[in-house]
Amino acid sequence: MIRITIYKNSNGSNVGFKTSGHAEFAEYGKDIICAAVSAITINFVNSIEAFTNDRFKIKTGDGLLKFRFQKEPGPESKLLMDSMILGLQGIQNDYKNEYIQIIFKEV
């Protein structure tokens, strides 16, 4: 199962996320859920880098992507983060929470 934790600050702003695990929907290389989550999250990181001036820290590994803004994100970053969450929740809804779990955590 892919576990996604969305980090929120005390102001209610989304300030980062962590994805870990594998969906195990299909064999390696054919897992459409893993591919979709990867595409959405990597596109988010690339979009933040290309379209905003917000700085962030990132860590990657096997089945792991950890992203955190260094300061309060600007309006463009907030919109991009909301869009990423919407896409991930769409996958979660389509596959009935069996392969992907999203939780929100205050940090």
Protein backbone atom coordinates (compact mmCIF):
# COMPACT_ATOMS: atom_id res chain seq x y z
CA MET A 1 0.00 0.00 0.00
CA ILE A 2 1.14 3.54 -0.73
CA ARG A 3 0.93 5.73 2.35
CA ILE A 4 0.81 9.47 1.81
CA THR A 5 1.08 11.88 4.71
CA ILE A 6 0.21 15.51 3.99
CA TYR A 7 1.85 17.88 6.48
CA LYS A 8 -0.16 20.92 7.62
CA ASN A 9 1.09 23.74 9.82
CA SER A 10 -0.86 25.38 12.65
CA ASN A 11 -2.25 27.93 10.14
CA GLY A 12 -3.83 25.09 8.16
CA SER A 13 -1.44 25.46 5.21
CA ASN A 14 -0.16 22.34 3.49
CA VAL A 15 3.62 22.54 3.96
CA GLY A 16 4.84 19.19 2.67
CA PHE A 17 4.19 15.51 2.20
CA LYS A 18 5.72 12.06 2.39
CA THR A 19 4.88 9.11 0.16
CA SER A 20 6.13 5.65 0.98
CA GLY A 21 5.47 2.10 -0.06
CA HIS A 22 4.21 0.42 -3.20
CA ALA A 23 0.60 -0.14 -4.27
CA GLU A 24 1.16 -3.78 -5.29
CA PHE A 25 -1.77 -3.42 -7.69
CA ALA A 26 0.18 -5.21 -10.42
CA GLU A 27 3.66 -6.55 -11.07
CA TYR A 28 6.61 -4.15 -11.18
CA GLY A 29 6.53 -2.03 -14.32
CA LYS A 30 2.80 -2.56 -14.85
CA ASP A 31 1.45 -1.00 -11.65
CA ILE A 32 -0.76 1.87 -12.84
CA ILE A 33 -1.41 3.13 -9.32
CA CYS A 34 2.30 3.49 -8.51
CA ALA A 35 2.82 5.14 -11.89
CA ALA A 36 -0.03 7.60 -11.32
CA VAL A 37 1.14 8.56 -7.82
CA SER A 38 4.70 8.98 -9.08
CA ALA A 39 3.58 11.13 -12.01
CA ILE A 40 1.44 13.39 -9.84
CA THR A 41 4.02 13.87 -7.07
CA ILE A 42 7.03 14.31 -9.36
CA ASN A 43 5.10 16.76 -11.53
CA PHE A 44 4.23 18.70 -8.36
CA VAL A 45 7.91 18.98 -7.35
CA ASN A 46 8.93 19.97 -10.89
CA SER A 47 6.13 22.57 -11.02
CA ILE A 48 7.15 24.12 -7.70
CA GLU A 49 10.72 24.38 -8.96
CA ALA A 50 9.75 25.77 -12.39
CA PHE A 51 6.87 28.11 -11.53
CA THR A 52 7.53 29.44 -8.02
CA ASN A 53 10.32 30.95 -5.97
CA ASP A 54 9.51 28.85 -2.91
CA ARG A 55 12.40 26.86 -1.51
CA PHE A 56 12.04 23.28 -0.34
CA LYS A 57 13.87 20.21 0.87
CA ILE A 58 13.43 16.84 -0.77
CA LYS A 59 14.48 13.28 0.02
CA THR A 60 13.98 10.25 -2.23
CA GLY A 61 14.58 6.53 -2.00
CA ASP A 62 12.98 3.23 -2.98
CA GLY A 63 9.26 3.99 -2.81
CA LEU A 64 9.93 7.18 -0.81
CA LEU A 65 9.45 10.83 -1.66
CA LYS A 66 9.60 13.37 1.14
CA PHE A 67 9.00 17.05 0.35
CA ARG A 68 8.89 20.02 2.71
CA PHE A 69 8.70 23.77 2.10
CA GLN A 70 11.37 25.70 3.98
CA LYS A 71 8.96 28.58 4.71
CA GLU A 72 5.25 29.28 4.41
CA PRO A 73 4.39 28.51 0.76
CA GLY A 74 3.21 31.27 -1.56
CA PRO A 75 -0.18 31.30 -3.31
CA GLU A 76 1.07 29.51 -6.44
CA SER A 77 2.58 26.72 -4.35
CA LYS A 78 -0.60 26.39 -2.31
CA LEU A 79 -2.62 25.98 -5.49
CA LEU A 80 -0.19 23.39 -6.88
CA MET A 81 -0.28 21.49 -3.57
CA ASP A 82 -4.10 21.51 -3.55
CA SER A 83 -4.06 20.21 -7.13
CA MET A 84 -1.66 17.40 -6.21
CA ILE A 85 -3.85 16.40 -3.26
CA LEU A 86 -6.96 16.44 -5.46
CA GLY A 87 -5.28 14.07 -7.93
CA LEU A 88 -4.12 11.72 -5.20
CA GLN A 89 -7.57 11.69 -3.59
CA GLY A 90 -9.07 10.87 -6.99
CA ILE A 91 -6.88 7.77 -7.18
CA GLN A 92 -7.79 6.86 -3.61
CA ASN A 93 -11.52 7.21 -4.37
CA ASP A 94 -11.29 5.22 -7.60
CA TYR A 95 -9.55 2.28 -5.92
CA LYS A 96 -11.54 2.28 -2.65
CA ASN A 97 -8.60 2.89 -0.28
CA GLU A 98 -7.24 -0.57 -1.04
CA TYR A 99 -3.93 0.54 -2.54
CA ILE A 100 -3.44 4.11 -1.33
CA GLN A 101 -3.96 5.76 2.05
CA ILE A 102 -3.85 9.53 2.56
CA ILE A 103 -3.64 11.09 6.01
CA PHE A 104 -3.27 14.70 7.12
CA LYS A 105 -0.93 15.50 9.99
CA GLU A 106 -0.25 18.78 11.77
CA VAL A 107 3.44 19.54 12.16
